[in-house]
């Protein structure tokens, strides 16, 4: 994922399925090339590189 897509997701009110290492996350914020994410399946938070985030392609 790139920084412009992350800003688009943060500015948009609709739900986007974003993943980190096959785990669903929500993006809490970004700073340079690092995103702070929260994991949907528990209360864990982590700082990750934005290029390690991805959206699942629903057509594959």
C-alpha atoms as a PDB file:
ATOM      1  CA  UNK A   1       0.000   0.000   0.000  1.00  0.00           C
ATOM      2  CA  UNK A   2       1.197   3.547  -0.548  1.00  0.00           C
ATOM      3  CA  UNK A   3       0.788   6.739   1.474  1.00  0.00           C
ATOM      4  CA  UNK A   4      -1.773   8.278  -0.874  1.00  0.00           C
ATOM      5  CA  UNK A   5      -4.061   5.230  -0.508  1.00  0.00           C
ATOM      6  CA  UNK A   6      -3.753   5.396   3.284  1.00  0.00           C
ATOM      7  CA  UNK A   7      -4.730   9.084   3.277  1.00  0.00           C
ATOM      8  CA  UNK A   8      -7.675   8.209   1.016  1.00  0.00           C
ATOM      9  CA  UNK A   9      -8.810   5.500   3.446  1.00  0.00           C
ATOM     10  CA  UNK A  10      -8.446   7.812   6.458  1.00  0.00           C
ATOM     11  CA  UNK A  11     -10.424  10.587   4.733  1.00  0.00           C
ATOM     12  CA  UNK A  12     -13.164   8.228   3.561  1.00  0.00           C
ATOM     13  CA  UNK A  13     -16.057   7.232   5.813  1.00  0.00           C
ATOM     14  CA  UNK A  14     -16.654   3.859   4.163  1.00  0.00           C
ATOM     15  CA  UNK A  15     -15.158   0.673   5.581  1.00  0.00           C
ATOM     16  CA  UNK A  16     -12.055  -0.695   3.861  1.00  0.00           C
ATOM     17  CA  UNK A  17     -10.609  -4.132   4.590  1.00  0.00           C
ATOM     18  CA  UNK A  18      -6.940  -3.550   5.359  1.00  0.00           C
ATOM     19  CA  UNK A  19      -4.598  -6.339   6.427  1.00  0.00           C
ATOM     20  CA  UNK A  20      -1.174  -6.797   7.963  1.00  0.00           C
ATOM     21  CA  UNK A  21       0.298 -10.322   7.877  1.00  0.00           C
ATOM     22  CA  UNK A  22      -3.150 -11.814   7.078  1.00  0.00           C
ATOM     23  CA  UNK A  23      -4.707 -10.080  10.108  1.00  0.00           C
ATOM     24  CA  UNK A  24      -7.380  -7.398   9.710  1.00  0.00           C
ATOM     25  CA  UNK A  25      -6.375  -3.983  11.048  1.00  0.00           C
ATOM     26  CA  UNK A  26      -7.643  -0.443  11.216  1.00  0.00           C
ATOM     27  CA  UNK A  27      -5.282   2.422  10.526  1.00  0.00           C
ATOM     28  CA  UNK A  28      -5.105   4.851  13.444  1.00  0.00           C
ATOM     29  CA  UNK A  29      -2.625   7.274  11.898  1.00  0.00           C
ATOM     30  CA  UNK A  30       0.498   7.706   9.800  1.00  0.00           C
ATOM     31  CA  UNK A  31       3.867   9.352  10.284  1.00  0.00           C
ATOM     32  CA  UNK A  32       6.199   9.345   7.259  1.00  0.00           C
ATOM     33  CA  UNK A  33       6.339   5.704   6.133  1.00  0.00           C
ATOM     34  CA  UNK A  34       5.026   4.218   9.403  1.00  0.00           C
ATOM     35  CA  UNK A  35       1.371   3.513  10.167  1.00  0.00           C
ATOM     36  CA  UNK A  36      -0.025   2.928  13.631  1.00  0.00           C
ATOM     37  CA  UNK A  37      -2.543   0.104  13.347  1.00  0.00           C
ATOM     38  CA  UNK A  38      -4.895  -1.644  15.705  1.00  0.00           C
ATOM     39  CA  UNK A  39      -5.710  -5.293  15.206  1.00  0.00           C
ATOM     40  CA  UNK A  40      -9.412  -6.050  14.869  1.00  0.00           C
ATOM     41  CA  UNK A  41      -9.109  -9.508  16.451  1.00  0.00           C
ATOM     42  CA  UNK A  42      -7.652  -8.214  19.764  1.00  0.00           C
ATOM     43  CA  UNK A  43      -6.521  -5.025  21.505  1.00  0.00           C
ATOM     44  CA  UNK A  44      -2.959  -5.097  20.171  1.00  0.00           C
ATOM     45  CA  UNK A  45      -1.508  -1.994  18.506  1.00  0.00           C
ATOM     46  CA  UNK A  46       1.622  -1.869  16.397  1.00  0.00           C
ATOM     47  CA  UNK A  47       3.680   0.529  14.272  1.00  0.00           C
ATOM     48  CA  UNK A  48       4.241  -1.014  10.822  1.00  0.00           C
ATOM     49  CA  UNK A  49       5.698   0.077   7.503  1.00  0.00           C
ATOM     50  CA  UNK A  50       2.922   1.260   5.185  1.00  0.00           C
ATOM     51  CA  UNK A  51       4.229  -0.931   2.355  1.00  0.00           C
ATOM     52  CA  UNK A  52       3.448  -3.991   4.532  1.00  0.00           C
ATOM     53  CA  UNK A  53      -0.279  -3.125   4.593  1.00  0.00           C
ATOM     54  CA  UNK A  54      -2.575  -4.384   1.860  1.00  0.00           C
ATOM     55  CA  UNK A  55      -6.173  -4.656   0.800  1.00  0.00           C
ATOM     56  CA  UNK A  56      -7.504  -8.063  -0.114  1.00  0.00           C
ATOM     57  CA  UNK A  57      -8.547  -8.420  -3.726  1.00  0.00           C
ATOM     58  CA  UNK A  58     -12.123  -9.685  -3.679  1.00  0.00           C
ATOM     59  CA  UNK A  59     -11.934 -10.948  -7.266  1.00  0.00           C
ATOM     60  CA  UNK A  60      -9.212 -13.588  -6.784  1.00  0.00           C
END
